[in-house]
C-alpha atoms as a PDB file:
ATOM      1  CA  UNK A   1     -21.821 -90.445 -16.311  1.00  0.00           C
ATOM      2  CA  UNK A   2     -18.234 -91.209 -17.150  1.00  0.00           C
ATOM      3  CA  UNK A   3     -15.558 -88.570 -17.074  1.00  0.00           C
ATOM      4  CA  UNK A   4     -13.671 -88.258 -20.329  1.00  0.00           C
ATOM      5  CA  UNK A   5     -10.347 -86.500 -20.679  1.00  0.00           C
ATOM      6  CA  UNK A   6      -8.984 -85.008 -23.847  1.00  0.00           C
ATOM      7  CA  UNK A   7      -6.139 -86.944 -25.445  1.00  0.00           C
ATOM      8  CA  UNK A   8      -3.670 -84.283 -24.329  1.00  0.00           C
ATOM      9  CA  UNK A   9      -4.955 -84.255 -20.722  1.00  0.00           C
ATOM     10  CA  UNK A  10      -4.950 -88.043 -20.630  1.00  0.00           C
ATOM     11  CA  UNK A  11      -1.348 -88.170 -21.850  1.00  0.00           C
ATOM     12  CA  UNK A  12      -0.259 -85.584 -19.283  1.00  0.00           C
ATOM     13  CA  UNK A  13      -2.073 -87.459 -16.511  1.00  0.00           C
ATOM     14  CA  UNK A  14      -0.363 -90.730 -17.424  1.00  0.00           C
ATOM     15  CA  UNK A  15       3.059 -89.067 -17.468  1.00  0.00           C
ATOM     16  CA  UNK A  16       2.283 -87.504 -14.086  1.00  0.00           C
ATOM     17  CA  UNK A  17       1.208 -90.850 -12.598  1.00  0.00           C
ATOM     18  CA  UNK A  18       4.388 -92.523 -13.873  1.00  0.00           C
ATOM     19  CA  UNK A  19       6.519 -89.738 -12.394  1.00  0.00           C
ATOM     20  CA  UNK A  20       4.688 -89.843  -9.053  1.00  0.00           C
ATOM     21  CA  UNK A  21       5.143 -93.600  -8.853  1.00  0.00           C
ATOM     22  CA  UNK A  22       8.842 -93.322  -9.691  1.00  0.00           C
ATOM     23  CA  UNK A  23       9.565 -90.508  -7.230  1.00  0.00           C
ATOM     24  CA  UNK A  24       7.378 -91.671  -4.332  1.00  0.00           C
ATOM     25  CA  UNK A  25       6.567 -95.352  -4.534  1.00  0.00           C
ATOM     26  CA  UNK A  26       9.257 -97.141  -6.510  1.00  0.00           C
ATOM     27  CA  UNK A  27      11.491 -97.318  -3.439  1.00  0.00           C
ATOM     28  CA  UNK A  28       8.828 -99.351  -1.620  1.00  0.00           C
ATOM     29  CA  UNK A  29       7.778-101.521  -4.523  1.00  0.00           C
ATOM     30  CA  UNK A  30      10.510-103.290  -6.409  1.00  0.00           C
ATOM     31  CA  UNK A  31       8.806-102.732  -9.727  1.00  0.00           C
ATOM     32  CA  UNK A  32       8.565-100.027 -12.341  1.00  0.00           C
ATOM     33  CA  UNK A  33       5.200 -98.600 -13.383  1.00  0.00           C
ATOM     34  CA  UNK A  34       4.919 -98.636 -17.146  1.00  0.00           C
ATOM     35  CA  UNK A  35       2.709 -96.685 -19.493  1.00  0.00           C
ATOM     36  CA  UNK A  36      -0.028 -99.323 -19.722  1.00  0.00           C
ATOM     37  CA  UNK A  37      -0.182 -99.763 -15.945  1.00  0.00           C
ATOM     38  CA  UNK A  38      -0.322 -95.986 -15.443  1.00  0.00           C
ATOM     39  CA  UNK A  39      -3.158 -95.750 -17.967  1.00  0.00           C
ATOM     40  CA  UNK A  40      -5.053 -98.535 -16.180  1.00  0.00           C
ATOM     41  CA  UNK A  41      -4.545 -96.736 -12.864  1.00  0.00           C
ATOM     42  CA  UNK A  42      -5.862 -93.511 -14.378  1.00  0.00           C
ATOM     43  CA  UNK A  43      -8.942 -95.327 -15.689  1.00  0.00           C
ATOM     44  CA  UNK A  44      -9.522 -96.838 -12.242  1.00  0.00           C
ATOM     45  CA  UNK A  45      -9.314 -93.446 -10.529  1.00  0.00           C
ATOM     46  CA  UNK A  46     -11.614 -91.811 -13.066  1.00  0.00           C
ATOM     47  CA  UNK A  47     -14.217 -94.541 -12.644  1.00  0.00           C
ATOM     48  CA  UNK A  48     -13.870 -94.929  -8.893  1.00  0.00           C
ATOM     49  CA  UNK A  49     -13.547 -91.345  -7.633  1.00  0.00           C
ATOM     50  CA  UNK A  50     -14.122 -89.215 -10.723  1.00  0.00           C
ATOM     51  CA  UNK A  51     -17.830 -88.829 -10.003  1.00  0.00           C
ATOM     52  CA  UNK A  52     -17.144 -87.751  -6.428  1.00  0.00           C
ATOM     53  CA  UNK A  53     -14.734 -85.055  -7.592  1.00  0.00           C
ATOM     54  CA  UNK A  54     -17.177 -83.951 -10.299  1.00  0.00           C
ATOM     55  CA  UNK A  55     -20.109 -83.803  -7.859  1.00  0.00           C
ATOM     56  CA  UNK A  56     -18.046 -81.760  -5.389  1.00  0.00           C
ATOM     57  CA  UNK A  57     -17.086 -79.332  -8.147  1.00  0.00           C
ATOM     58  CA  UNK A  58     -20.743 -78.934  -9.152  1.00  0.00           C
ATOM     59  CA  UNK A  59     -21.769 -78.364  -5.523  1.00  0.00           C
ATOM     60  CA  UNK A  60     -19.037 -75.739  -5.120  1.00  0.00           C
ATOM     61  CA  UNK A  61     -20.120 -73.993  -8.330  1.00  0.00           C
ATOM     62  CA  UNK A  62     -23.764 -74.001  -7.213  1.00  0.00           C
ATOM     63  CA  UNK A  63     -22.851 -72.532  -3.825  1.00  0.00           C
ATOM     64  CA  UNK A  64     -20.801 -69.798  -5.471  1.00  0.00           C
ATOM     65  CA  UNK A  65     -23.576 -68.969  -7.917  1.00  0.00           C
ATOM     66  CA  UNK A  66     -26.169 -68.881  -5.127  1.00  0.00           C
ATOM     67  CA  UNK A  67     -23.967 -66.510  -3.145  1.00  0.00           C
ATOM     68  CA  UNK A  68     -23.638 -64.229  -6.184  1.00  0.00           C
ATOM     69  CA  UNK A  69     -27.411 -64.295  -6.760  1.00  0.00           C
ATOM     70  CA  UNK A  70     -27.955 -63.307  -3.136  1.00  0.00           C
ATOM     71  CA  UNK A  71     -25.643 -60.320  -3.678  1.00  0.00           C
ATOM     72  CA  UNK A  72     -27.519 -59.226  -6.789  1.00  0.00           C
ATOM     73  CA  UNK A  73     -29.898 -56.978  -4.905  1.00  0.00           C
ATOM     74  CA  UNK A  74     -26.965 -55.235  -3.248  1.00  0.00           C
ATOM     75  CA  UNK A  75     -24.991 -54.841  -6.478  1.00  0.00           C
ATOM     76  CA  UNK A  76     -27.786 -53.565  -8.709  1.00  0.00           C
ATOM     77  CA  UNK A  77     -30.433 -52.306  -6.308  1.00  0.00           C
ATOM     78  CA  UNK A  78     -31.938 -48.994  -7.356  1.00  0.00           C
ATOM     79  CA  UNK A  79     -33.436 -46.689  -4.777  1.00  0.00           C
ATOM     80  CA  UNK A  80     -37.137 -46.040  -5.310  1.00  0.00           C
ATOM     81  CA  UNK A  81     -39.116 -42.808  -5.268  1.00  0.00           C
ATOM     82  CA  UNK A  82     -36.109 -40.540  -5.688  1.00  0.00           C
ATOM     83  CA  UNK A  83     -37.663 -37.766  -7.796  1.00  0.00           C
ATOM     84  CA  UNK A  84     -38.272 -35.301  -4.970  1.00  0.00           C
ATOM     85  CA  UNK A  85     -34.969 -36.074  -3.287  1.00  0.00           C
ATOM     86  CA  UNK A  86     -32.915 -35.508  -6.425  1.00  0.00           C
ATOM     87  CA  UNK A  87     -34.728 -32.370  -7.614  1.00  0.00           C
ATOM     88  CA  UNK A  88     -33.808 -30.386  -4.513  1.00  0.00           C
ATOM     89  CA  UNK A  89     -37.287 -29.857  -3.213  1.00  0.00           C
ATOM     90  CA  UNK A  90     -36.910 -31.881  -0.072  1.00  0.00           C
ATOM     91  CA  UNK A  91     -40.062 -33.543   1.186  1.00  0.00           C
ATOM     92  CA  UNK A  92     -43.235 -33.685  -0.856  1.00  0.00           C
ATOM     93  CA  UNK A  93     -46.205 -31.321  -0.208  1.00  0.00           C
ATOM     94  CA  UNK A  94     -49.158 -32.509   1.790  1.00  0.00           C
END
């Protein structure tokens, strides 16, 4: 499964990669990172590690949902056999 970004997200990611390169790596590499190179780098990251990030997100979502399901009985549990307790008659007759 490939991870697809919207056009807007893709554009923002490319701008972010270019900025990161300029502010953090340009001093070490005597070369500027252009738009095409940034786009290629984005494609590489999406293909290489995108699935790992996606799988981790799914695992986190599953764990959170499982925790919520486990709490369901606490959140919506209804006490049973409450007629005699709520009608003020105390214990039932023998």
